[in-house]
Amino acid sequence: MGGDDAPGAIVAGALRAHRDGLGKIVLVGDRARIEPLLHGETGIAIEHCTGEIAMDAPASQAVRNAAGTSLGVAVDLVRDGKADAVVSAGNSGAFLGIALFRLRTIPGIARPAIGAVLPARDGPVVLCDAGANVDCKPEWLCQFGIMGSAYARAALGIAEPRVGVVSVGEERSKGNAQTIEAAALLERAPVRFIGNVEGKDVLVNTADVVVADGFVGNVLLKTAEGTAAFVRDALRDAYAKAGPLAKLGGLLSREAFAKLREQADYSTYGGAPLLGVRGNCIVAHGRSDATAIRNAIKQAALLARADLVAAIGAAVAA
């Protein structure tokens, strides 16, 4: 029931995921509002509950009032072993709080982190943390690198992910006290650490996993999304004002532009996993459409099959 276009976009995405055979789908929410949107499809289950968490509800309030809400019940299904993963496009702060309170963290992990996938030049890059923890300790950043590396192996198929720390210079001496100490910890961690990564290098695949606190990470994520939207709109406006020859060139380049648009589209990956909790949780954009939800479900199924929680636990133990 969470998301800007819920429940319509959520149900439509679930229908696509079901028809693609991505897994057994359980929709959690108000049966009276969900059932008509299924158009007679009986292969999708409904876990009925009428409570909802507002998109602007404070996380602390959401955690206290989670019982009987679609988000609270969905997380409980994972906690109780009745579901392998949960996907939500609802209030992300509430999702984080409820998941942390009800699922708890993997032993050895201090704080969960959002692992967003950025569409970079030569393939995807994992950004961790993308907004869950705005203030971080160096040891948390080290754990983010370990979790991001495990995620890159499980979800993206990268055998030995290169891990870097976002900083203001490539030299090891550059950065604030937090990043310098985090780099020293990652040097000794069970990851392929390559050192500092500058902002300009994030989208050119200098590293496969880039580590940052949630404040810096969220700014990076939103800047990347805004830049993609700017380039898309600028190209469209330039085409609309162009002369006949330029428009002909645009038509001839349409396939290349379509590939670029698909590569930069957030809906390609659908959502970002909440890494570090004892359950597979996918945080989808509030503005997710049916395609994004379908791909978020695909992501959830992939992580469940790869047993990402166990992989992170083993990496932290190492």
Protein backbone atom coordinates (compact mmCIF):
# COMPACT_ATOMS: atom_id res chain seq x y z
CA MET A 1 0.00 0.00 0.00
CA GLY A 2 3.08 2.27 0.00
CA GLY A 3 4.29 4.41 -2.90
CA ASP A 4 3.18 7.44 -4.86
CA ASP A 5 0.99 5.34 -7.18
CA ALA A 6 -0.03 2.56 -4.78
CA PRO A 7 -1.68 0.18 -4.95
CA GLY A 8 -2.12 0.41 -8.74
CA ALA A 9 1.55 0.47 -9.77
CA ILE A 10 2.47 -2.12 -7.13
CA VAL A 11 -0.16 -4.62 -8.27
CA ALA A 12 0.68 -4.05 -11.95
CA GLY A 13 4.36 -4.72 -11.25
CA ALA A 14 3.49 -7.81 -9.21
CA LEU A 15 1.40 -9.13 -12.09
CA ARG A 16 4.36 -8.73 -14.46
CA ALA A 17 6.69 -10.48 -11.99
CA HIS A 18 4.19 -13.34 -11.59
CA ARG A 19 3.81 -13.80 -15.34
CA ASP A 20 7.59 -13.80 -15.73
CA GLY A 21 7.87 -16.58 -13.15
CA LEU A 22 10.04 -14.59 -10.75
CA GLY A 23 8.57 -16.14 -7.64
CA LYS A 24 5.43 -16.66 -5.58
CA ILE A 25 4.00 -13.19 -4.99
CA VAL A 26 2.11 -12.20 -1.83
CA LEU A 27 0.53 -8.74 -1.84
CA VAL A 28 0.08 -7.31 1.65
CA GLY A 29 -2.72 -4.78 2.12
CA ASP A 30 -6.41 -4.03 1.78
CA ARG A 31 -8.05 -6.88 -0.15
CA ALA A 32 -10.95 -4.68 -1.24
CA ARG A 33 -8.58 -2.31 -3.03
CA ILE A 34 -6.12 -4.91 -4.34
CA GLU A 35 -8.37 -7.66 -5.67
CA PRO A 36 -10.05 -5.63 -8.47
CA LEU A 37 -6.61 -4.67 -9.80
CA LEU A 38 -5.66 -8.34 -10.26
CA HIS A 39 -8.25 -8.74 -13.05
CA GLY A 40 -9.08 -12.29 -12.04
CA GLU A 41 -5.48 -13.50 -11.58
CA THR A 42 -5.62 -16.21 -8.90
CA GLY A 43 -1.92 -17.08 -8.76
CA ILE A 44 -1.08 -14.10 -6.53
CA ALA A 45 -1.92 -14.35 -2.83
CA ILE A 46 -3.25 -11.49 -0.69
CA GLU A 47 -2.35 -11.06 2.97
CA HIS A 48 -5.18 -8.83 4.14
CA CYS A 49 -4.64 -5.89 6.47
CA THR A 50 -6.10 -2.42 6.45
CA GLY A 51 -3.44 -0.36 8.23
CA GLU A 52 -1.10 1.90 6.26
CA ILE A 53 1.97 3.99 7.09
CA ALA A 54 1.90 7.50 5.63
CA MET A 55 4.76 8.43 3.31
CA ASP A 56 5.68 11.33 5.60
CA ALA A 57 5.28 9.52 8.94
CA PRO A 58 8.34 9.77 11.25
CA ALA A 59 10.27 6.49 11.47
CA SER A 60 9.92 6.28 15.27
CA GLN A 61 6.15 6.65 15.02
CA ALA A 62 5.98 4.07 12.23
CA VAL A 63 7.92 1.52 14.30
CA ARG A 64 5.56 1.99 17.26
CA ASN A 65 2.45 1.69 15.08
CA ALA A 66 3.65 -0.98 12.64
CA ALA A 67 1.31 -3.76 13.82
CA GLY A 68 -1.52 -4.29 11.35
CA THR A 69 0.02 -2.10 8.64
CA SER A 70 0.96 -3.43 5.22
CA LEU A 71 4.65 -2.68 5.78
CA GLY A 72 4.74 -4.14 9.29
CA VAL A 73 2.93 -7.31 8.25
CA ALA A 74 5.16 -7.74 5.18
CA VAL A 75 8.34 -7.52 7.27
CA ASP A 76 6.84 -9.95 9.78
CA LEU A 77 6.31 -12.50 6.99
CA VAL A 78 10.07 -12.47 6.38
CA ARG A 79 10.87 -12.59 10.10
CA ASP A 80 8.56 -15.59 10.57
CA GLY A 81 9.95 -17.50 7.58
CA LYS A 82 6.75 -17.17 5.55
CA ALA A 83 8.44 -15.06 2.86
CA ASP A 84 11.98 -14.97 1.50
CA ALA A 85 12.06 -11.23 0.80
CA VAL A 86 10.02 -8.05 1.13
CA VAL A 87 9.72 -5.20 -1.39
CA SER A 88 8.29 -1.79 -0.49
CA ALA A 89 7.97 1.53 -2.32
CA GLY A 90 6.58 3.14 0.82
CA ASN A 91 8.13 5.32 3.50
CA SER A 92 11.83 4.35 3.33
CA GLY A 93 12.66 5.66 6.82
CA ALA A 94 9.80 3.63 8.26
CA PHE A 95 10.91 0.58 6.26
CA LEU A 96 14.43 0.88 7.65
CA GLY A 97 13.21 1.32 11.22
CA ILE A 98 10.71 -1.55 11.11
CA ALA A 99 13.20 -3.91 9.44
CA LEU A 100 15.89 -3.04 11.98
CA PHE A 101 13.54 -3.47 14.95
CA ARG A 102 11.83 -6.68 13.80
CA LEU A 103 14.58 -8.47 11.89
CA ARG A 104 17.64 -7.23 13.81
CA THR A 105 21.11 -6.96 12.30
CA ILE A 106 23.43 -9.74 11.18
CA PRO A 107 25.93 -10.54 13.99
CA GLY A 108 28.92 -8.24 13.63
CA ILE A 109 27.03 -5.50 11.77
CA ALA A 110 26.46 -2.30 13.74
CA ARG A 111 24.15 -0.52 11.29
CA PRO A 112 22.32 -1.59 8.12
CA ALA A 113 23.00 0.37 4.93
CA ILE A 114 21.23 0.95 1.63
CA GLY A 115 23.19 -0.50 -1.29
CA ALA A 116 22.07 1.45 -4.37
CA VAL A 117 23.17 0.39 -7.85
CA LEU A 118 24.38 3.24 -10.07
CA PRO A 119 24.39 2.81 -13.87
CA ALA A 120 28.05 3.58 -14.67
CA ARG A 121 29.89 3.71 -18.01
CA ASP A 122 31.15 0.11 -18.13
CA GLY A 123 28.57 -1.58 -15.91
CA PRO A 124 26.85 -1.08 -12.57
CA VAL A 125 28.49 0.29 -9.43
CA VAL A 126 27.25 -0.33 -5.88
CA LEU A 127 26.98 2.75 -3.66
CA CYS A 128 26.85 1.94 0.05
CA ASP A 129 25.44 3.72 2.08
CA ALA A 130 22.88 5.58 -0.06
CA GLY A 131 21.04 7.25 2.79
CA ALA A 132 20.36 5.07 5.82
CA ASN A 133 23.02 6.58 8.14
CA VAL A 134 23.89 10.26 7.72
CA ASP A 135 26.48 10.21 10.53
CA CYS A 136 28.87 7.26 10.60
CA LYS A 137 31.81 5.84 12.50
CA PRO A 138 34.83 4.56 10.51
CA GLU A 139 34.11 0.95 11.50
CA TRP A 140 30.61 1.28 10.04
CA LEU A 141 32.11 2.40 6.72
CA CYS A 142 34.34 -0.67 6.80
CA GLN A 143 31.26 -2.86 7.30
CA PHE A 144 29.53 -1.07 4.41
CA GLY A 145 32.45 -2.05 2.19
CA ILE A 146 32.20 -5.69 3.27
CA MET A 147 28.43 -5.77 2.72
CA GLY A 148 28.66 -3.95 -0.61
CA SER A 149 31.30 -6.38 -1.81
CA ALA A 150 29.12 -9.37 -0.88
CA TYR A 151 26.17 -7.77 -2.67
CA ALA A 152 28.21 -7.07 -5.83
CA ARG A 153 29.23 -10.74 -5.96
CA ALA A 154 25.71 -12.07 -5.32
CA ALA A 155 23.62 -9.67 -7.40
CA LEU A 156 25.98 -8.41 -10.10
CA GLY A 157 28.16 -11.48 -10.59
CA ILE A 158 31.45 -9.64 -9.98
CA ALA A 159 33.92 -12.26 -8.77
CA GLU A 160 36.34 -9.89 -6.98
CA PRO A 161 34.66 -6.51 -6.52
CA ARG A 162 37.01 -3.53 -6.16
CA VAL A 163 36.08 -1.43 -3.12
CA GLY A 164 36.90 2.27 -2.76
CA VAL A 165 36.11 5.03 -0.26
CA VAL A 166 34.62 8.28 -1.56
CA SER A 167 37.00 11.09 -0.67
CA VAL A 168 38.32 14.47 -1.89
CA GLY A 169 41.48 13.04 -3.43
CA GLU A 170 43.03 9.79 -4.59
CA GLU A 171 45.99 10.00 -2.19
CA ARG A 172 45.61 7.99 1.03
CA SER A 173 46.38 11.11 3.06
CA LYS A 174 43.40 13.00 1.58
CA GLY A 175 39.99 13.13 3.25
CA ASN A 176 38.59 13.77 6.70
CA ALA A 177 39.46 11.73 9.79
CA GLN A 178 36.50 9.41 9.17
CA THR A 179 37.49 8.39 5.63
CA ILE A 180 41.20 8.09 6.45
CA GLU A 181 40.48 5.73 9.36
CA ALA A 182 37.88 3.80 7.33
CA ALA A 183 40.46 3.28 4.58
CA ALA A 184 42.92 1.87 7.12
CA LEU A 185 40.27 -0.58 8.34
CA LEU A 186 39.27 -1.62 4.81
CA GLU A 187 42.94 -2.26 4.02
CA ARG A 188 42.79 -5.12 6.55
CA ALA A 189 39.25 -6.28 5.71
CA PRO A 190 38.40 -9.35 3.56
CA VAL A 191 37.73 -7.18 0.47
CA ARG A 192 39.70 -6.05 -2.58
CA PHE A 193 40.32 -2.50 -1.38
CA ILE A 194 41.76 -0.06 -3.95
CA GLY A 195 41.88 3.15 -1.89
CA ASN A 196 40.17 6.52 -2.30
CA VAL A 197 37.73 7.31 -5.11
CA GLU A 198 36.89 10.88 -6.11
CA GLY A 199 33.37 11.90 -7.07
CA LYS A 200 34.33 12.22 -10.75
CA ASP A 201 35.45 8.58 -10.80
CA VAL A 202 32.31 6.96 -9.37
CA LEU A 203 30.50 6.60 -12.71
CA VAL A 204 33.54 5.52 -14.73
CA ASN A 205 33.99 2.21 -12.91
CA THR A 206 37.16 3.04 -11.01
CA ALA A 207 35.65 0.79 -8.32
CA ASP A 208 32.80 -1.72 -8.28
CA VAL A 209 31.74 -0.70 -4.76
CA VAL A 210 32.02 2.86 -3.46
CA VAL A 211 31.70 3.45 0.28
CA ALA A 212 30.36 6.64 1.83
CA ASP A 213 28.32 7.74 4.81
CA GLY A 214 24.60 8.07 4.11
CA PHE A 215 24.78 11.87 3.80
CA VAL A 216 27.46 11.88 1.08
CA GLY A 217 26.02 8.74 -0.52
CA ASN A 218 22.52 10.17 -0.82
CA VAL A 219 23.85 13.41 -2.32
CA LEU A 220 25.82 11.35 -4.86
CA LEU A 221 22.76 9.25 -5.70
CA LYS A 222 20.40 12.22 -6.12
CA THR A 223 23.01 14.13 -8.15
CA ALA A 224 23.42 11.16 -10.50
CA GLU A 225 19.64 10.83 -10.91
CA GLY A 226 19.27 14.59 -11.47
CA THR A 227 22.07 14.64 -14.02
CA ALA A 228 20.49 11.78 -15.96
CA ALA A 229 17.15 13.62 -16.00
CA PHE A 230 18.87 16.87 -17.08
CA VAL A 231 20.67 15.20 -20.00
CA ARG A 232 17.46 13.46 -21.09
CA ASP A 233 15.43 16.69 -20.99
CA ALA A 234 18.20 18.74 -22.64
CA LEU A 235 18.41 16.28 -25.54
CA ARG A 236 14.64 16.32 -25.95
CA ASP A 237 14.49 20.13 -25.92
CA ALA A 238 17.40 20.42 -28.35
CA TYR A 239 15.69 17.97 -30.71
CA ALA A 240 12.42 19.91 -30.56
CA LYS A 241 14.22 23.15 -31.55
CA ALA A 242 16.51 21.57 -34.16
CA GLY A 243 16.35 21.99 -37.90
CA PRO A 244 15.39 19.25 -40.39
CA LEU A 245 18.92 17.84 -40.80
CA ALA A 246 19.52 17.69 -37.06
CA LYS A 247 16.16 15.98 -36.57
CA LEU A 248 17.08 13.43 -39.22
CA GLY A 249 20.33 12.78 -37.37
CA GLY A 250 18.34 12.35 -34.17
CA LEU A 251 16.09 9.78 -35.80
CA LEU A 252 19.12 7.86 -37.07
CA SER A 253 20.57 7.91 -33.52
CA ARG A 254 17.30 6.90 -31.85
CA GLU A 255 18.45 3.36 -31.03
CA ALA A 256 21.64 4.63 -29.36
CA PHE A 257 19.66 7.18 -27.33
CA ALA A 258 17.18 4.48 -26.28
CA LYS A 259 20.02 2.32 -24.95
CA LEU A 260 21.45 5.29 -23.05
CA ARG A 261 18.05 6.06 -21.55
CA GLU A 262 17.61 2.45 -20.44
CA GLN A 263 21.10 2.38 -18.90
CA ALA A 264 20.43 5.54 -16.87
CA ASP A 265 16.88 4.64 -15.81
CA TYR A 266 16.45 3.91 -12.08
CA SER A 267 13.69 1.40 -12.87
CA THR A 268 16.22 -0.95 -14.51
CA TYR A 269 17.25 -2.19 -11.05
CA GLY A 270 13.94 -1.42 -9.36
CA GLY A 271 15.22 -0.84 -5.86
CA ALA A 272 18.11 -1.00 -3.43
CA PRO A 273 18.66 -3.70 -0.81
CA LEU A 274 18.82 -2.85 2.86
CA LEU A 275 22.08 -4.60 3.66
CA GLY A 276 22.91 -5.88 7.13
CA VAL A 277 19.53 -6.99 8.47
CA ARG A 278 18.57 -10.65 8.89
CA GLY A 279 16.20 -10.73 5.95
CA ASN A 280 16.10 -9.66 2.30
CA CYS A 281 14.58 -6.17 2.10
CA ILE A 282 14.35 -4.15 -1.13
CA VAL A 283 13.72 -0.41 -0.84
CA ALA A 284 12.00 0.78 -4.03
CA HIS A 285 11.54 4.41 -5.13
CA GLY A 286 8.35 6.03 -3.95
CA ARG A 287 7.65 6.99 -7.56
CA SER A 288 8.12 3.41 -8.82
CA ASP A 289 6.01 2.40 -11.79
CA ALA A 290 5.03 -1.15 -12.76
CA THR A 291 8.39 -1.77 -14.48
CA ALA A 292 10.37 -0.66 -11.43
CA ILE A 293 8.29 -2.86 -9.12
CA ARG A 294 8.70 -5.84 -11.42
CA ASN A 295 12.47 -5.35 -11.41
CA ALA A 296 12.53 -4.82 -7.64
CA ILE A 297 10.82 -8.20 -7.23
CA LYS A 298 13.37 -9.72 -9.60
CA GLN A 299 16.12 -8.23 -7.42
CA ALA A 300 14.49 -9.64 -4.27
CA ALA A 301 14.24 -13.14 -5.77
CA LEU A 302 17.87 -13.00 -6.89
CA LEU A 303 19.13 -12.07 -3.42
CA ALA A 304 16.98 -14.72 -1.76
CA ARG A 305 18.33 -17.42 -4.05
CA ALA A 306 21.92 -16.21 -3.53
CA ASP A 307 21.35 -16.20 0.27
CA LEU A 308 22.90 -12.76 0.59
CA VAL A 309 22.28 -12.63 4.35
CA ALA A 310 24.47 -15.71 4.87
CA ALA A 311 27.11 -14.34 2.48
CA ILE A 312 27.35 -11.09 4.45
CA GLY A 313 27.49 -13.01 7.72
CA ALA A 314 30.37 -15.13 6.45
CA ALA A 315 32.27 -12.08 5.17
CA VAL A 316 31.89 -10.24 8.48
CA ALA A 317 33.01 -13.34 10.40
CA ALA A 318 36.12 -13.45 8.22
